[in-house]
N, C-alpha and C. Protein backbone atom coordinates (compact mmCIF):
# COMPACT_ATOMS: atom_id res chain seq x y z
N MET A 1 13.11 45.35 -65.19
CA MET A 1 13.03 43.96 -64.45
C MET A 1 11.71 43.17 -65.22
N THR A 2 12.26 42.05 -65.41
CA THR A 2 11.27 41.09 -66.08
C THR A 2 10.24 40.40 -65.40
N LEU A 3 9.22 39.87 -65.98
CA LEU A 3 8.26 39.27 -65.28
C LEU A 3 8.69 37.83 -64.57
N GLN A 4 9.51 37.44 -65.13
CA GLN A 4 10.19 36.57 -64.23
C GLN A 4 10.82 36.78 -63.15
N ASP A 5 11.54 37.83 -63.14
CA ASP A 5 12.38 38.44 -62.11
C ASP A 5 11.32 38.89 -61.01
N ASN A 6 10.28 39.45 -61.44
CA ASN A 6 9.00 39.64 -60.44
C ASN A 6 8.59 38.71 -59.68
N ASP A 7 8.41 37.56 -60.46
CA ASP A 7 7.88 36.09 -59.81
C ASP A 7 9.08 35.73 -58.68
N ASP A 8 10.31 35.63 -59.27
CA ASP A 8 11.37 35.35 -58.17
C ASP A 8 11.40 36.02 -56.89
N LEU A 9 11.28 37.33 -57.16
CA LEU A 9 11.34 38.39 -56.06
C LEU A 9 10.24 37.80 -55.03
N GLU A 10 9.18 37.95 -55.62
CA GLU A 10 7.78 37.70 -54.77
C GLU A 10 8.15 36.17 -53.99
N ARG A 11 8.45 35.26 -54.72
CA ARG A 11 8.61 33.96 -54.11
C ARG A 11 9.76 34.05 -53.26
N PHE A 12 10.86 35.06 -53.32
CA PHE A 12 12.01 35.08 -52.39
C PHE A 12 11.10 35.73 -50.88
N LEU A 13 10.45 36.76 -51.44
CA LEU A 13 10.05 37.73 -50.10
C LEU A 13 9.02 36.58 -49.17
N ARG A 14 8.19 35.79 -50.15
CA ARG A 14 7.39 34.80 -49.32
C ARG A 14 8.13 33.90 -48.42
N ASN A 15 9.23 33.37 -48.98
CA ASN A 15 10.14 32.55 -48.37
C ASN A 15 10.60 33.18 -47.08
N VAL A 16 11.19 34.35 -47.38
CA VAL A 16 11.67 35.11 -45.87
C VAL A 16 10.64 35.62 -44.95
N ASP A 17 9.46 35.57 -45.44
CA ASP A 17 8.39 35.82 -44.46
C ASP A 17 7.92 34.60 -43.85
N GLN A 18 8.07 33.42 -44.52
CA GLN A 18 7.72 32.09 -43.92
C GLN A 18 8.95 31.73 -42.79
N MET A 19 10.27 31.98 -43.33
CA MET A 19 11.56 31.81 -42.37
C MET A 19 11.17 32.90 -41.15
N SER A 20 10.60 33.95 -41.26
CA SER A 20 10.81 34.67 -40.24
C SER A 20 9.86 34.37 -39.01
N LYS A 21 8.62 33.83 -39.84
CA LYS A 21 7.43 33.25 -38.77
C LYS A 21 8.05 32.01 -38.25
N CYS A 22 8.54 31.17 -38.69
CA CYS A 22 9.18 29.79 -38.35
C CYS A 22 10.25 30.32 -37.26
N GLN A 23 11.01 31.24 -37.37
CA GLN A 23 11.94 31.52 -36.30
C GLN A 23 11.22 32.12 -35.08
N ASN A 24 10.17 32.93 -35.36
CA ASN A 24 9.64 33.38 -34.31
C ASN A 24 8.75 32.21 -33.47
N PHE A 25 8.28 31.41 -34.24
CA PHE A 25 7.64 30.20 -33.53
C PHE A 25 8.57 29.63 -32.65
N LEU A 26 9.71 29.14 -33.27
CA LEU A 26 10.85 28.45 -32.64
C LEU A 26 11.15 29.47 -31.30
N ARG A 27 11.20 30.75 -31.39
CA ARG A 27 11.66 31.49 -30.16
C ARG A 27 10.76 31.35 -29.25
N ILE A 28 9.48 31.47 -29.55
CA ILE A 28 8.36 31.24 -28.64
C ILE A 28 8.35 29.98 -27.96
N LEU A 29 8.56 28.89 -28.57
CA LEU A 29 8.70 27.49 -28.17
C LEU A 29 9.96 27.40 -27.18
N GLU A 30 11.03 28.13 -27.31
CA GLU A 30 12.22 28.13 -26.73
C GLU A 30 11.82 28.96 -25.23
N LYS A 31 11.15 29.88 -25.37
CA LYS A 31 10.93 30.91 -24.38
C LYS A 31 9.70 29.97 -23.50
N ASP A 32 8.81 29.45 -24.21
CA ASP A 32 7.92 28.57 -23.36
C ASP A 32 8.56 27.33 -22.32
N ALA A 33 9.59 26.64 -23.19
CA ALA A 33 10.21 25.54 -22.65
C ALA A 33 11.16 25.89 -21.34
N GLU A 34 11.91 27.07 -21.51
CA GLU A 34 12.59 27.78 -20.42
C GLU A 34 11.74 28.20 -19.22
N GLU A 35 10.40 28.89 -19.73
CA GLU A 35 9.61 29.20 -18.25
C GLU A 35 9.07 27.84 -17.80
N ARG A 36 8.72 26.88 -18.40
CA ARG A 36 8.32 25.57 -18.02
C ARG A 36 9.50 24.83 -17.12
N ARG A 37 10.63 25.02 -17.69
CA ARG A 37 11.90 24.40 -16.57
C ARG A 37 12.05 25.03 -15.33
N LEU A 38 12.04 26.53 -15.41
CA LEU A 38 12.12 27.31 -14.31
C LEU A 38 10.78 27.06 -13.32
N ARG A 39 9.81 27.06 -13.84
CA ARG A 39 8.55 26.52 -13.05
C ARG A 39 8.80 25.26 -12.28
N ARG A 40 8.94 24.34 -13.05
CA ARG A 40 9.52 22.87 -12.53
C ARG A 40 10.61 23.04 -11.48
N LYS A 41 11.56 23.78 -11.75
CA LYS A 41 12.64 23.88 -10.74
C LYS A 41 12.21 24.29 -9.38
N MET A 42 11.34 25.57 -9.58
CA MET A 42 10.73 26.12 -8.32
C MET A 42 9.81 24.89 -7.63
N LYS A 43 9.17 24.36 -8.11
CA LYS A 43 8.20 23.16 -7.81
C LYS A 43 9.03 22.29 -6.99
N GLU A 44 10.32 21.81 -7.75
CA GLU A 44 11.13 20.91 -6.91
C GLU A 44 11.72 21.19 -5.98
N GLU A 45 11.98 22.56 -5.61
CA GLU A 45 12.76 22.99 -4.60
C GLU A 45 11.82 23.23 -3.31
N LYS A 46 10.53 23.50 -3.73
CA LYS A 46 9.62 23.42 -2.77
C LYS A 46 8.96 21.89 -2.16
N ALA A 47 9.17 21.01 -3.25
CA ALA A 47 8.72 19.92 -3.02
C ALA A 47 9.53 19.32 -2.03
N ASN A 48 11.09 19.44 -2.29
CA ASN A 48 12.22 18.82 -1.73
C ASN A 48 12.23 19.32 -0.27
N ALA A 49 11.83 20.64 -0.21
CA ALA A 49 11.86 21.31 1.13
C ALA A 49 11.00 20.69 2.07
N LEU A 50 9.68 20.36 1.28
CA LEU A 50 8.29 19.72 2.28
C LEU A 50 8.81 18.24 2.46
N ARG A 51 9.49 17.74 1.65
CA ARG A 51 9.92 16.12 2.04
C ARG A 51 11.02 16.09 2.97
N GLU A 52 11.98 17.27 2.99
CA GLU A 52 12.66 17.08 4.31
C GLU A 52 12.09 17.51 5.39
N GLN A 53 11.16 18.24 5.48
CA GLN A 53 10.27 18.56 7.02
C GLN A 53 9.59 17.26 7.17
N GLY A 54 9.04 16.53 6.25
CA GLY A 54 8.49 15.26 6.44
C GLY A 54 9.14 14.23 7.05
N ASN A 55 10.33 14.34 6.56
CA ASN A 55 11.49 13.17 7.02
C ASN A 55 11.86 13.70 8.50
N GLU A 56 11.97 15.01 8.61
CA GLU A 56 12.11 15.44 10.07
C GLU A 56 11.16 15.05 11.18
N ALA A 57 9.85 15.04 10.78
CA ALA A 57 8.60 14.80 11.57
C ALA A 57 8.61 13.28 11.69
N PHE A 58 9.10 12.56 10.52
CA PHE A 58 9.01 11.11 10.77
C PHE A 58 9.89 10.61 11.62
N THR A 59 11.29 11.14 11.58
CA THR A 59 12.19 10.76 12.56
C THR A 59 11.81 10.88 14.11
N GLN A 60 11.05 12.02 14.23
CA GLN A 60 10.72 12.38 15.54
C GLN A 60 9.24 11.42 16.12
N GLY A 61 8.80 10.53 14.98
CA GLY A 61 7.87 9.84 15.41
C GLY A 61 6.45 10.69 15.33
N ASP A 62 6.36 11.79 14.71
CA ASP A 62 5.07 12.23 14.48
C ASP A 62 4.70 12.05 13.00
N TYR A 63 4.10 11.00 12.91
CA TYR A 63 3.87 10.32 11.58
C TYR A 63 2.61 11.19 10.84
N GLU A 64 1.74 11.72 11.69
CA GLU A 64 0.55 12.56 11.19
C GLU A 64 1.06 13.85 10.37
N THR A 65 1.91 14.44 11.12
CA THR A 65 2.61 15.71 10.56
C THR A 65 3.50 15.05 9.26
N ALA A 66 4.24 14.30 9.23
CA ALA A 66 4.98 13.80 8.13
C ALA A 66 4.23 13.65 6.92
N VAL A 67 2.91 12.79 7.16
CA VAL A 67 1.99 12.86 6.10
C VAL A 67 1.40 13.90 5.73
N ARG A 68 1.20 14.98 6.35
CA ARG A 68 0.90 16.43 5.93
C ARG A 68 2.10 16.92 5.07
N PHE A 69 3.15 16.88 5.27
CA PHE A 69 4.27 17.64 4.70
C PHE A 69 4.20 16.75 3.25
N TYR A 70 4.41 15.35 3.45
CA TYR A 70 4.42 14.76 2.05
C TYR A 70 3.35 15.10 0.97
N THR A 71 2.25 15.07 1.69
CA THR A 71 1.01 15.49 0.68
C THR A 71 1.17 16.85 0.26
N GLU A 72 1.70 17.76 0.97
CA GLU A 72 1.68 19.40 0.33
C GLU A 72 2.79 19.31 -0.67
N GLY A 73 3.84 18.45 -0.34
CA GLY A 73 4.84 18.22 -1.41
C GLY A 73 4.56 17.61 -2.78
N LEU A 74 3.31 16.69 -2.45
CA LEU A 74 2.92 16.31 -3.77
C LEU A 74 1.98 17.14 -4.55
N GLU A 75 1.42 18.19 -3.87
CA GLU A 75 0.75 19.13 -4.35
C GLU A 75 1.69 20.09 -5.42
N GLN A 76 2.83 20.08 -4.82
CA GLN A 76 3.69 20.67 -5.77
C GLN A 76 4.22 19.95 -7.09
N LEU A 77 4.39 18.79 -6.68
CA LEU A 77 5.16 17.91 -7.68
C LEU A 77 4.30 16.57 -7.52
N ARG A 78 3.51 16.51 -8.54
CA ARG A 78 2.90 15.14 -8.62
C ARG A 78 3.50 13.66 -8.96
N ASP A 79 4.91 13.85 -9.70
CA ASP A 79 5.37 12.87 -10.25
C ASP A 79 6.70 12.40 -9.45
N MET A 80 6.87 13.06 -8.22
CA MET A 80 8.03 12.96 -7.06
C MET A 80 7.82 11.34 -6.57
N GLN A 81 8.65 10.57 -6.74
CA GLN A 81 8.57 9.18 -6.44
C GLN A 81 8.76 9.17 -5.14
N ALA A 82 9.92 9.94 -4.41
CA ALA A 82 10.26 9.74 -3.10
C ALA A 82 9.17 10.00 -2.12
N LEU A 83 8.18 11.09 -2.66
CA LEU A 83 7.09 11.65 -1.78
C LEU A 83 6.20 10.52 -1.52
N TYR A 84 5.86 9.70 -2.63
CA TYR A 84 4.94 8.70 -2.53
C TYR A 84 5.42 7.44 -1.68
N THR A 85 6.73 7.10 -1.70
CA THR A 85 7.36 6.02 -0.80
C THR A 85 7.41 6.37 0.65
N ASN A 86 7.80 7.69 0.87
CA ASN A 86 7.77 8.06 2.21
C ASN A 86 6.60 8.39 3.16
N ARG A 87 5.69 8.88 1.95
CA ARG A 87 4.14 8.89 3.03
C ARG A 87 3.66 7.26 2.90
N ALA A 88 4.15 6.57 2.17
CA ALA A 88 3.65 5.15 2.31
C ALA A 88 4.25 4.70 3.64
N GLN A 89 5.37 4.91 3.95
CA GLN A 89 5.98 4.52 5.07
C GLN A 89 5.26 5.06 6.36
N ALA A 90 5.01 6.47 6.17
CA ALA A 90 4.37 7.15 7.23
C ALA A 90 3.09 6.33 7.53
N PHE A 91 2.17 5.96 6.23
CA PHE A 91 0.94 5.51 6.39
C PHE A 91 1.09 4.13 7.29
N ILE A 92 2.26 3.21 6.98
CA ILE A 92 2.24 1.83 7.55
C ILE A 92 2.43 2.09 9.09
N LYS A 93 3.23 3.30 9.44
CA LYS A 93 3.26 3.42 10.99
C LYS A 93 2.02 3.90 11.58
N LEU A 94 1.20 4.40 10.96
CA LEU A 94 -0.14 4.86 11.32
C LEU A 94 -1.26 3.80 11.04
N LYS A 95 -0.82 2.31 10.63
CA LYS A 95 -1.79 1.58 10.39
C LYS A 95 -2.56 1.65 9.31
N ARG A 96 -2.34 2.53 8.39
CA ARG A 96 -3.15 2.84 7.24
C ARG A 96 -2.73 1.97 5.93
N TYR A 97 -2.88 0.91 6.05
CA TYR A 97 -2.22 0.33 5.01
C TYR A 97 -2.80 0.11 3.64
N LYS A 98 -3.86 0.47 3.37
CA LYS A 98 -4.55 0.32 2.12
C LYS A 98 -3.92 1.69 1.51
N GLU A 99 -3.85 2.80 2.48
CA GLU A 99 -3.64 4.14 1.51
C GLU A 99 -2.01 3.92 1.30
N ALA A 100 -1.53 3.16 2.20
CA ALA A 100 0.18 2.95 1.76
C ALA A 100 0.22 2.22 0.51
N ILE A 101 -0.41 1.25 0.08
CA ILE A 101 -0.45 0.61 -1.02
C ILE A 101 -0.87 1.45 -2.28
N SER A 102 -1.84 2.22 -2.06
CA SER A 102 -1.98 2.88 -3.02
C SER A 102 -0.91 4.26 -3.54
N ASP A 103 -0.30 4.49 -2.48
CA ASP A 103 0.83 5.56 -2.58
C ASP A 103 2.00 4.49 -3.19
N CYS A 104 2.12 3.51 -2.91
CA CYS A 104 3.37 2.62 -3.47
C CYS A 104 2.93 2.31 -4.99
N GLU A 105 1.61 2.26 -5.36
CA GLU A 105 1.19 1.89 -6.87
C GLU A 105 1.28 3.16 -7.72
N TRP A 106 1.47 4.63 -7.01
CA TRP A 106 1.67 5.65 -7.47
C TRP A 106 3.14 5.75 -7.92
N ALA A 107 3.90 5.45 -6.97
CA ALA A 107 5.36 5.44 -7.01
C ALA A 107 5.97 4.46 -7.95
N LEU A 108 5.18 3.48 -8.31
CA LEU A 108 5.62 2.54 -9.39
C LEU A 108 4.99 3.27 -10.74
N ARG A 109 4.24 4.04 -10.72
CA ARG A 109 3.90 4.82 -11.94
C ARG A 109 5.05 5.48 -12.51
N CYS A 110 5.41 6.43 -11.41
CA CYS A 110 6.70 7.17 -11.61
C CYS A 110 8.08 6.56 -12.11
N ASN A 111 8.19 5.26 -11.35
CA ASN A 111 9.08 4.39 -11.69
C ASN A 111 9.19 2.97 -11.43
N GLU A 112 8.83 2.19 -12.63
CA GLU A 112 8.34 0.72 -12.24
C GLU A 112 9.12 -0.22 -11.63
N LYS A 113 10.57 0.30 -11.38
CA LYS A 113 11.47 -0.28 -10.65
C LYS A 113 11.94 -0.11 -9.46
N CYS A 114 11.03 0.90 -8.79
CA CYS A 114 11.12 1.37 -7.61
C CYS A 114 11.25 0.29 -6.34
N ILE A 115 12.18 0.03 -5.81
CA ILE A 115 12.39 -1.33 -4.88
C ILE A 115 11.63 -0.73 -3.37
N LYS A 116 11.66 0.46 -3.10
CA LYS A 116 10.94 1.02 -1.86
C LYS A 116 9.53 0.76 -2.17
N ALA A 117 8.92 0.90 -3.20
CA ALA A 117 7.58 0.70 -3.27
C ALA A 117 7.06 -0.68 -2.83
N TYR A 118 7.97 -1.61 -3.60
CA TYR A 118 7.56 -3.04 -3.78
C TYR A 118 7.88 -3.35 -2.19
N VAL A 119 8.89 -2.91 -1.44
CA VAL A 119 9.04 -3.36 -0.12
C VAL A 119 7.94 -2.89 0.85
N HIS A 120 7.41 -1.46 0.69
CA HIS A 120 6.36 -0.95 1.58
C HIS A 120 4.97 -1.80 1.34
N MET A 121 5.04 -1.91 -0.01
CA MET A 121 3.63 -2.43 -0.46
C MET A 121 3.67 -4.08 0.16
N GLY A 122 4.82 -4.77 0.07
CA GLY A 122 4.73 -6.11 0.96
C GLY A 122 4.38 -6.18 1.99
N LYS A 123 4.90 -5.07 2.94
CA LYS A 123 4.90 -5.08 4.24
C LYS A 123 3.18 -4.72 4.57
N SER A 124 2.89 -3.84 3.64
CA SER A 124 1.34 -3.48 3.97
C SER A 124 0.31 -4.63 3.78
N HIS A 125 0.64 -5.54 2.51
CA HIS A 125 -0.17 -6.55 2.28
C HIS A 125 -0.11 -7.70 3.62
N LEU A 126 1.37 -7.65 3.89
CA LEU A 126 1.38 -8.76 5.07
C LEU A 126 0.77 -8.30 6.25
N ALA A 127 0.51 -7.01 6.58
CA ALA A 127 -0.12 -6.50 7.76
C ALA A 127 -1.63 -6.78 7.67
N LEU A 128 -2.05 -6.60 6.28
CA LEU A 128 -3.56 -7.20 6.14
C LEU A 128 -3.63 -8.51 5.85
N LYS A 129 -2.74 -9.34 6.19
CA LYS A 129 -2.78 -10.54 5.99
C LYS A 129 -3.13 -11.13 4.41
N ASP A 130 -2.78 -10.64 3.64
CA ASP A 130 -2.78 -11.02 2.21
C ASP A 130 -1.38 -11.40 1.75
N PHE A 131 -1.23 -12.82 2.42
CA PHE A 131 0.24 -13.43 2.36
C PHE A 131 0.70 -13.60 0.78
N LYS A 132 -0.30 -13.83 0.01
CA LYS A 132 0.03 -14.19 -1.59
C LYS A 132 0.40 -12.88 -2.04
N GLN A 133 -0.26 -11.71 -1.87
CA GLN A 133 0.33 -10.74 -2.43
C GLN A 133 1.47 -9.83 -1.88
N SER A 134 1.73 -10.32 -0.66
CA SER A 134 3.03 -9.96 -0.01
C SER A 134 4.16 -10.68 -0.65
N ARG A 135 4.03 -11.92 -0.84
CA ARG A 135 5.02 -12.69 -1.41
C ARG A 135 5.42 -12.00 -2.93
N ILE A 136 4.28 -11.64 -3.58
CA ILE A 136 4.40 -11.20 -4.94
C ILE A 136 5.39 -10.02 -5.05
N CYS A 137 5.09 -9.14 -4.23
CA CYS A 137 5.76 -7.79 -4.05
C CYS A 137 7.21 -8.04 -3.82
N TYR A 138 7.51 -9.13 -2.68
CA TYR A 138 8.99 -9.16 -2.32
C TYR A 138 9.62 -9.86 -3.67
N GLN A 139 9.08 -10.85 -4.21
CA GLN A 139 9.43 -11.64 -5.46
C GLN A 139 9.82 -10.49 -6.57
N LYS A 140 8.95 -9.64 -6.49
CA LYS A 140 9.33 -8.84 -7.77
C LYS A 140 10.61 -7.85 -7.45
N ILE A 141 11.11 -7.69 -6.26
CA ILE A 141 12.37 -7.19 -6.04
C ILE A 141 13.61 -7.84 -6.64
N LEU A 142 13.27 -9.35 -6.59
CA LEU A 142 14.44 -10.21 -7.24
C LEU A 142 14.35 -10.20 -8.58
N GLU A 143 13.40 -9.81 -9.32
CA GLU A 143 13.29 -9.82 -10.67
C GLU A 143 14.02 -8.47 -11.21
N ILE A 144 13.95 -7.46 -10.32
CA ILE A 144 14.67 -6.00 -10.68
C ILE A 144 15.95 -6.09 -10.25
N GLU A 145 16.35 -6.49 -9.13
CA GLU A 145 17.81 -6.63 -8.48
C GLU A 145 17.97 -8.16 -7.73
N PRO A 146 18.55 -8.95 -8.52
CA PRO A 146 18.63 -10.17 -8.32
C PRO A 146 19.71 -10.08 -6.71
N GLN A 147 20.41 -9.22 -6.80
CA GLN A 147 21.77 -9.45 -5.93
C GLN A 147 21.06 -8.92 -4.59
N ARG A 148 19.78 -8.61 -4.45
CA ARG A 148 19.16 -8.47 -2.97
C ARG A 148 18.37 -9.52 -2.53
N GLU A 149 19.07 -10.78 -2.88
CA GLU A 149 18.38 -11.94 -2.54
C GLU A 149 18.40 -12.34 -1.22
N THR A 150 19.40 -12.01 -0.52
CA THR A 150 19.41 -12.09 0.95
C THR A 150 18.36 -11.23 1.81
N MET A 151 18.12 -10.08 1.27
CA MET A 151 17.13 -9.26 1.92
C MET A 151 15.81 -9.95 1.75
N VAL A 152 15.46 -10.32 0.49
CA VAL A 152 14.03 -10.76 -0.08
C VAL A 152 13.75 -12.18 0.83
N LYS A 153 14.80 -12.92 0.97
CA LYS A 153 14.69 -14.25 1.79
C LYS A 153 14.20 -13.99 3.14
N ALA A 154 14.78 -12.68 3.80
CA ALA A 154 14.19 -12.71 5.06
C ALA A 154 12.95 -12.01 5.02
N TYR A 155 12.50 -11.22 4.05
CA TYR A 155 11.16 -10.71 4.04
C TYR A 155 10.11 -12.15 3.85
N LEU A 156 10.66 -12.88 3.01
CA LEU A 156 9.79 -14.01 2.66
C LEU A 156 9.43 -15.00 3.94
N ARG A 157 10.60 -15.02 4.61
CA ARG A 157 10.75 -16.06 6.03
C ARG A 157 9.70 -15.28 6.85
N GLN A 158 9.54 -13.94 6.78
CA GLN A 158 8.78 -13.32 7.84
C GLN A 158 7.25 -13.50 7.14
N VAL A 159 7.09 -13.62 6.04
CA VAL A 159 5.67 -13.80 5.46
C VAL A 159 5.59 -15.41 5.89
N ASP A 160 6.17 -16.09 5.79
CA ASP A 160 5.92 -17.58 6.17
C ASP A 160 5.65 -17.83 7.73
N LEU A 161 6.20 -17.30 8.42
CA LEU A 161 6.17 -17.09 9.95
C LEU A 161 4.67 -16.48 10.20
N GLU A 162 4.23 -15.27 9.59
CA GLU A 162 3.12 -14.52 10.04
C GLU A 162 1.88 -15.38 9.56
N GLU A 163 2.04 -16.16 8.26
CA GLU A 163 1.03 -16.99 7.88
C GLU A 163 0.84 -18.19 8.74
N LYS A 164 1.87 -18.90 9.05
CA LYS A 164 1.89 -19.85 10.09
C LYS A 164 1.01 -19.50 11.46
N ALA A 165 1.48 -18.36 12.05
CA ALA A 165 1.04 -17.91 13.12
C ALA A 165 -0.62 -17.47 12.98
N SER A 166 -0.85 -17.00 12.01
CA SER A 166 -2.26 -16.46 11.47
C SER A 166 -3.16 -17.97 11.49
N LEU A 167 -2.54 -19.02 10.84
CA LEU A 167 -3.35 -20.27 10.76
C LEU A 167 -3.42 -21.10 12.12
N GLN A 168 -2.51 -20.90 13.09
CA GLN A 168 -2.55 -21.47 14.29
C GLN A 168 -3.67 -20.39 14.92
N GLU A 169 -3.70 -19.20 14.93
CA GLU A 169 -4.64 -18.30 15.65
C GLU A 169 -5.83 -18.71 15.30
N LYS A 170 -6.15 -18.90 14.12
CA LYS A 170 -7.60 -19.03 13.35
C LYS A 170 -8.09 -20.80 13.91
N ALA A 171 -7.11 -21.68 13.85
CA ALA A 171 -7.41 -22.84 14.57
C ALA A 171 -7.80 -23.00 16.14
N ALA A 172 -6.77 -22.05 16.66
CA ALA A 172 -7.25 -22.22 18.09
C ALA A 172 -8.63 -21.17 18.37
N TRP A 173 -8.67 -20.33 17.76
CA TRP A 173 -10.08 -19.79 17.92
C TRP A 173 -11.34 -20.53 17.52
N GLU A 174 -11.18 -21.34 16.50
CA GLU A 174 -12.29 -22.18 16.20
C GLU A 174 -12.55 -23.32 17.36
N GLU A 175 -11.46 -23.68 17.89
CA GLU A 175 -11.07 -24.77 18.80
C GLU A 175 -11.92 -24.10 20.28
N LEU A 176 -11.75 -22.87 20.31
CA LEU A 176 -12.24 -22.21 21.60
C LEU A 176 -13.76 -21.84 21.35
N GLN A 177 -14.03 -21.58 20.19
CA GLN A 177 -15.57 -21.50 19.79
C GLN A 177 -16.40 -22.68 20.17
N GLU A 178 -15.60 -23.97 19.46
CA GLU A 178 -16.12 -25.23 19.67
C GLU A 178 -16.29 -25.69 21.12
N GLY A 179 -15.38 -25.04 22.06
CA GLY A 179 -15.32 -25.50 23.55
C GLY A 179 -16.58 -24.57 24.23
N THR A 180 -16.68 -23.52 23.54
CA THR A 180 -17.49 -22.71 24.10
C THR A 180 -18.84 -23.13 24.22
N GLU A 181 -19.15 -23.60 22.91
CA GLU A 181 -20.61 -24.01 22.69
C GLU A 181 -20.67 -25.32 23.45
N GLN A 182 -19.42 -26.16 23.71
CA GLN A 182 -19.84 -27.39 24.52
C GLN A 182 -20.24 -26.91 26.00
N ALA A 183 -19.45 -26.12 26.19
CA ALA A 183 -19.54 -25.45 27.66
C ALA A 183 -21.01 -24.80 27.96
N MET A 184 -21.41 -24.21 26.79
CA MET A 184 -23.04 -23.93 26.98
C MET A 184 -23.85 -24.78 27.06
N ALA A 185 -23.60 -26.08 26.42
CA ALA A 185 -24.43 -27.12 26.37
C ALA A 185 -24.36 -27.91 27.65
N VAL A 186 -23.31 -28.01 28.63
CA VAL A 186 -23.31 -28.54 29.90
C VAL A 186 -24.02 -27.58 30.86
N ALA A 187 -23.84 -26.36 30.80
CA ALA A 187 -24.85 -25.26 31.41
C ALA A 187 -26.30 -25.38 31.23
N GLU A 188 -26.63 -25.63 30.11
CA GLU A 188 -28.07 -25.87 29.58
C GLU A 188 -28.55 -27.11 30.52
N LEU A 189 -27.73 -28.10 30.24
CA LEU A 189 -28.10 -29.42 30.78
C LEU A 189 -28.33 -29.23 32.36
N LEU A 190 -27.30 -28.65 33.01
CA LEU A 190 -27.51 -28.40 34.44
C LEU A 190 -28.83 -27.48 34.94
N LYS A 191 -29.13 -26.71 33.95
CA LYS A 191 -30.13 -25.82 34.19
C LYS A 191 -31.56 -26.74 34.17
N LYS A 192 -31.57 -27.44 33.01
CA LYS A 192 -32.47 -28.58 33.15
C LYS A 192 -32.65 -29.65 34.09
N LEU A 193 -31.75 -29.98 34.62
CA LEU A 193 -31.42 -31.04 35.79
C LEU A 193 -32.07 -30.43 37.01
N ASP A 194 -32.19 -28.94 37.14
CA ASP A 194 -32.48 -28.18 38.23
C ASP A 194 -33.89 -28.15 38.39
N ARG A 195 -34.61 -28.66 37.42
CA ARG A 195 -35.96 -28.73 37.57
C ARG A 195 -36.66 -29.62 38.67
N PRO A 196 -37.43 -29.36 39.50
CA PRO A 196 -38.28 -30.08 40.41
C PRO A 196 -39.08 -30.90 39.65
N ASN A 197 -39.56 -32.00 40.58
CA ASN A 197 -40.97 -32.91 40.34
C ASN A 197 -40.68 -33.43 38.97
N GLU A 198 -39.71 -33.73 38.38
CA GLU A 198 -39.56 -34.55 37.32
C GLU A 198 -39.80 -36.16 37.70
N ILE A 199 -39.92 -37.02 36.86
CA ILE A 199 -39.81 -38.36 36.96
C ILE A 199 -38.30 -39.00 37.04
N ASN A 200 -38.01 -40.01 37.71
CA ASN A 200 -36.59 -40.38 37.79
C ASN A 200 -35.95 -40.68 36.54
N LEU A 201 -36.75 -41.10 35.51
CA LEU A 201 -36.09 -41.43 34.29
C LEU A 201 -35.65 -40.09 33.79
N TYR A 202 -36.21 -39.03 33.73
CA TYR A 202 -35.84 -37.71 33.36
C TYR A 202 -34.44 -37.54 33.78
N TYR A 203 -34.43 -37.66 35.15
CA TYR A 203 -33.04 -37.09 35.87
C TYR A 203 -31.86 -38.07 35.03
N CYS A 204 -32.23 -39.45 35.11
CA CYS A 204 -31.18 -40.40 34.71
C CYS A 204 -30.78 -40.01 33.17
N GLY A 205 -31.78 -39.85 32.45
CA GLY A 205 -31.29 -39.54 31.14
C GLY A 205 -30.55 -38.39 31.05
N GLY A 206 -30.76 -37.35 31.92
CA GLY A 206 -30.10 -35.91 32.06
C GLY A 206 -28.79 -36.15 32.54
N LEU A 207 -28.61 -37.07 33.48
CA LEU A 207 -27.22 -37.20 33.96
C LEU A 207 -26.39 -38.06 32.92
N GLU A 208 -26.88 -38.55 32.14
CA GLU A 208 -26.03 -39.54 31.40
C GLU A 208 -25.59 -38.40 30.21
N LEU A 209 -26.44 -37.73 29.66
CA LEU A 209 -26.25 -36.66 28.67
C LEU A 209 -25.11 -35.57 29.25
N LEU A 210 -25.25 -35.27 30.44
CA LEU A 210 -24.37 -34.44 31.03
C LEU A 210 -22.90 -35.05 31.24
N SER A 211 -23.02 -36.38 31.48
CA SER A 211 -21.63 -37.13 31.62
C SER A 211 -20.77 -37.01 30.39
N GLN A 212 -21.78 -37.03 29.06
CA GLN A 212 -21.18 -37.28 27.83
C GLN A 212 -20.74 -35.82 27.36
N ALA A 213 -21.35 -35.01 27.90
CA ALA A 213 -21.19 -33.57 27.32
C ALA A 213 -19.78 -33.14 28.05
N ILE A 214 -19.36 -33.49 29.46
CA ILE A 214 -18.24 -33.50 30.31
C ILE A 214 -17.05 -34.11 29.67
N LYS A 215 -17.28 -35.37 28.98
CA LYS A 215 -16.40 -36.10 28.51
C LYS A 215 -15.82 -35.08 27.27
N ASP A 216 -16.83 -34.85 26.50
CA ASP A 216 -16.37 -34.26 25.06
C ASP A 216 -15.84 -33.05 25.48
N CYS A 217 -15.95 -32.07 26.43
CA CYS A 217 -15.11 -30.89 26.74
C CYS A 217 -13.75 -31.39 27.03
N LYS A 218 -13.69 -32.47 27.85
CA LYS A 218 -12.02 -33.03 28.05
C LYS A 218 -11.37 -33.27 26.75
N PHE A 219 -12.10 -33.91 26.01
CA PHE A 219 -11.23 -34.44 24.98
C PHE A 219 -11.11 -33.49 23.58
N THR A 220 -11.84 -32.31 23.79
CA THR A 220 -11.51 -31.40 22.70
C THR A 220 -10.53 -30.10 23.05
C-alpha cells in the first residue's frame, strides 16, 4: 500500500467517524423531539381535562371554582388560548375586570386574532367605564372578521348607551351635590335667625338672604 493509499484510507475513516457522529446526533435530536412531543401531549390532555372541569363549574355558576380549574390548566400548558379566554369570562362574572383584561392580553399573545379575547376585553373595559378602550376592542374585531359587523354594532350601541347613562349619572350627582350645598346654606341661615336679642336689621337681612336661598333651591 502506497503512502497515498494510507492517506486516502485515513481520510475515509475520518469521514466515516464524522458521519457516525452526525447520525448519532440526529438520533439524539429525534429522540428528544419525540420525548418533548409526548410530554406536550400529556400536558395537553391534562389541560383539556381541567378546562372541561372549569367549563362545568362555570355552567353551574361556580365561577371561583372555574377560575381555579382554568388556572391549574394553565400550569400544565401556558400557551393554551382557550384557558385564558375562559378564565377571563369567569373573572368578568366575578367583577374582577382588570384580571380579565390581563388574561385577554395573554390570549392575544397566543393568537393575535382571537375574537373572544377582544370581546371579553371590550366588556371588561366597559364595566370599568373606559368607553374609549372598549370601542377600540370591538372595532378590532371588525378588522379581523368584517363579517361580524352586526355583532360589533350591537356591542358599540351598548357602549354608547352606557356612556350616555354614565354622563347623566354624573350630571345628576353634581346637581344633587349643588342642591345639598344650598340646602345646607338654608339650614345655616335658619340657625342664625334663631339667635335671640339681635337688632331688627339683623333679622330683616337674614330673612332676605333666606328668601333668596330658597328661590335658588327651587330653580336648580
